């Protein structure tokens, strides 16, 4: 298996400047990306990864309350990227 990698930074996207967190982990099926930000919703089984399904839901709520946007991009088995914008 590959050495775990997490990268944090800022990039230009089609939606403008965005902050990001990317990894080279398990990833997910992009067809389910909209489900990631729902409370207690998990794309992986409880035995596969720790957590309750609240972290991304909380991030979504905070970002939207501040007028920003958050989204995810991934390929199953090839890592994931989480992006968010905040108004100036």
C-alpha atoms as a PDB file:
ATOM      1  CA  UNK A   1       0.000   0.000   0.000  1.00  0.00           C
ATOM      2  CA  UNK A   2       1.074   3.597  -0.619  1.00  0.00           C
ATOM      3  CA  UNK A   3       2.426   5.813   2.131  1.00  0.00           C
ATOM      4  CA  UNK A   4      -0.485   7.888   3.480  1.00  0.00           C
ATOM      5  CA  UNK A   5      -0.471  11.462   2.157  1.00  0.00           C
ATOM      6  CA  UNK A   6      -2.581  14.479   3.129  1.00  0.00           C
ATOM      7  CA  UNK A   7      -2.132  17.820   1.408  1.00  0.00           C
ATOM      8  CA  UNK A   8      -3.703  21.134   2.471  1.00  0.00           C
ATOM      9  CA  UNK A   9      -3.597  24.266   0.368  1.00  0.00           C
ATOM     10  CA  UNK A  10      -5.301  26.810  -1.862  1.00  0.00           C
ATOM     11  CA  UNK A  11      -6.004  26.477  -5.574  1.00  0.00           C
ATOM     12  CA  UNK A  12      -7.993  28.039  -8.389  1.00  0.00           C
ATOM     13  CA  UNK A  13     -11.088  26.075  -9.424  1.00  0.00           C
ATOM     14  CA  UNK A  14     -13.991  26.642 -11.823  1.00  0.00           C
ATOM     15  CA  UNK A  15     -15.779  28.129  -8.780  1.00  0.00           C
ATOM     16  CA  UNK A  16     -12.931  30.531  -7.990  1.00  0.00           C
ATOM     17  CA  UNK A  17     -10.227  30.340  -5.342  1.00  0.00           C
ATOM     18  CA  UNK A  18     -10.754  27.447  -2.933  1.00  0.00           C
ATOM     19  CA  UNK A  19      -9.025  25.877   0.028  1.00  0.00           C
ATOM     20  CA  UNK A  20      -8.543  22.120  -0.163  1.00  0.00           C
ATOM     21  CA  UNK A  21      -7.653  19.000   1.787  1.00  0.00           C
ATOM     22  CA  UNK A  22      -6.642  16.021  -0.385  1.00  0.00           C
ATOM     23  CA  UNK A  23      -5.498  12.526   0.481  1.00  0.00           C
ATOM     24  CA  UNK A  24      -4.502   9.308  -1.241  1.00  0.00           C
ATOM     25  CA  UNK A  25      -6.834   7.115   0.832  1.00  0.00           C
ATOM     26  CA  UNK A  26      -9.802   4.913  -0.031  1.00  0.00           C
ATOM     27  CA  UNK A  27     -11.696   7.599  -1.926  1.00  0.00           C
ATOM     28  CA  UNK A  28     -15.382   7.069  -2.753  1.00  0.00           C
ATOM     29  CA  UNK A  29     -17.711   6.650  -5.703  1.00  0.00           C
ATOM     30  CA  UNK A  30     -18.316  10.185  -7.089  1.00  0.00           C
ATOM     31  CA  UNK A  31     -21.975   9.290  -7.712  1.00  0.00           C
ATOM     32  CA  UNK A  32     -22.481   9.544  -3.936  1.00  0.00           C
ATOM     33  CA  UNK A  33     -20.588  12.816  -3.336  1.00  0.00           C
ATOM     34  CA  UNK A  34     -23.760  14.733  -2.385  1.00  0.00           C
ATOM     35  CA  UNK A  35     -24.461  12.183   0.371  1.00  0.00           C
ATOM     36  CA  UNK A  36     -21.194  12.926   2.196  1.00  0.00           C
ATOM     37  CA  UNK A  37     -22.453  16.107   3.835  1.00  0.00           C
ATOM     38  CA  UNK A  38     -25.608  14.615   5.400  1.00  0.00           C
ATOM     39  CA  UNK A  39     -25.443  13.985   9.178  1.00  0.00           C
ATOM     40  CA  UNK A  40     -24.782  10.363  10.180  1.00  0.00           C
ATOM     41  CA  UNK A  41     -24.478   9.276   6.541  1.00  0.00           C
ATOM     42  CA  UNK A  42     -21.470   7.132   5.708  1.00  0.00           C
ATOM     43  CA  UNK A  43     -20.377   5.726   2.368  1.00  0.00           C
ATOM     44  CA  UNK A  44     -18.271   2.989   3.979  1.00  0.00           C
ATOM     45  CA  UNK A  45     -19.399   0.360   6.448  1.00  0.00           C
ATOM     46  CA  UNK A  46     -18.869   0.992  10.185  1.00  0.00           C
ATOM     47  CA  UNK A  47     -16.207  -1.723  10.341  1.00  0.00           C
ATOM     48  CA  UNK A  48     -14.134  -0.176   7.541  1.00  0.00           C
ATOM     49  CA  UNK A  49     -13.378   3.257   9.032  1.00  0.00           C
ATOM     50  CA  UNK A  50     -13.919   4.970  12.375  1.00  0.00           C
ATOM     51  CA  UNK A  51     -16.349   7.847  12.781  1.00  0.00           C
ATOM     52  CA  UNK A  52     -20.021   8.658  13.099  1.00  0.00           C
ATOM     53  CA  UNK A  53     -20.595  10.554   9.883  1.00  0.00           C
ATOM     54  CA  UNK A  54     -20.705  13.990  11.507  1.00  0.00           C
ATOM     55  CA  UNK A  55     -17.400  15.638  10.543  1.00  0.00           C
ATOM     56  CA  UNK A  56     -18.266  16.613   6.968  1.00  0.00           C
ATOM     57  CA  UNK A  57     -21.848  17.502   7.936  1.00  0.00           C
ATOM     58  CA  UNK A  58     -20.474  19.926  10.538  1.00  0.00           C
ATOM     59  CA  UNK A  59     -17.974  21.407   8.081  1.00  0.00           C
ATOM     60  CA  UNK A  60     -20.780  21.856   5.531  1.00  0.00           C
ATOM     61  CA  UNK A  61     -22.931  23.717   8.040  1.00  0.00           C
ATOM     62  CA  UNK A  62     -20.130  26.075   9.119  1.00  0.00           C
ATOM     63  CA  UNK A  63     -18.990  26.849   5.558  1.00  0.00           C
ATOM     64  CA  UNK A  64     -22.549  27.562   4.356  1.00  0.00           C
ATOM     65  CA  UNK A  65     -23.336  29.763   7.373  1.00  0.00           C
ATOM     66  CA  UNK A  66     -20.360  31.898   6.402  1.00  0.00           C
ATOM     67  CA  UNK A  67     -21.566  32.213   2.809  1.00  0.00           C
ATOM     68  CA  UNK A  68     -19.188  29.655   1.324  1.00  0.00           C
ATOM     69  CA  UNK A  69     -19.468  26.447  -0.643  1.00  0.00           C
ATOM     70  CA  UNK A  70     -18.026  23.000   0.033  1.00  0.00           C
ATOM     71  CA  UNK A  71     -17.731  20.011  -2.305  1.00  0.00           C
ATOM     72  CA  UNK A  72     -15.837  16.774  -2.726  1.00  0.00           C
ATOM     73  CA  UNK A  73     -14.146  15.032  -5.633  1.00  0.00           C
ATOM     74  CA  UNK A  74     -12.800  11.481  -5.657  1.00  0.00           C
ATOM     75  CA  UNK A  75     -12.300   8.176  -7.357  1.00  0.00           C
ATOM     76  CA  UNK A  76     -12.897   4.966  -5.462  1.00  0.00           C
ATOM     77  CA  UNK A  77      -9.555   3.572  -4.352  1.00  0.00           C
ATOM     78  CA  UNK A  78      -7.653   6.692  -5.478  1.00  0.00           C
ATOM     79  CA  UNK A  79      -8.085   9.242  -2.693  1.00  0.00           C
ATOM     80  CA  UNK A  80     -10.368  12.223  -2.233  1.00  0.00           C
ATOM     81  CA  UNK A  81     -10.280  15.993  -2.272  1.00  0.00           C
ATOM     82  CA  UNK A  82     -12.499  18.307  -0.250  1.00  0.00           C
ATOM     83  CA  UNK A  83     -12.728  21.912  -1.396  1.00  0.00           C
ATOM     84  CA  UNK A  84     -14.340  24.985   0.123  1.00  0.00           C
ATOM     85  CA  UNK A  85     -14.724  28.662  -0.591  1.00  0.00           C
ATOM     86  CA  UNK A  86     -15.325  31.561   1.779  1.00  0.00           C
ATOM     87  CA  UNK A  87     -16.312  35.080   0.746  1.00  0.00           C
ATOM     88  CA  UNK A  88     -13.686  37.793   1.201  1.00  0.00           C
END
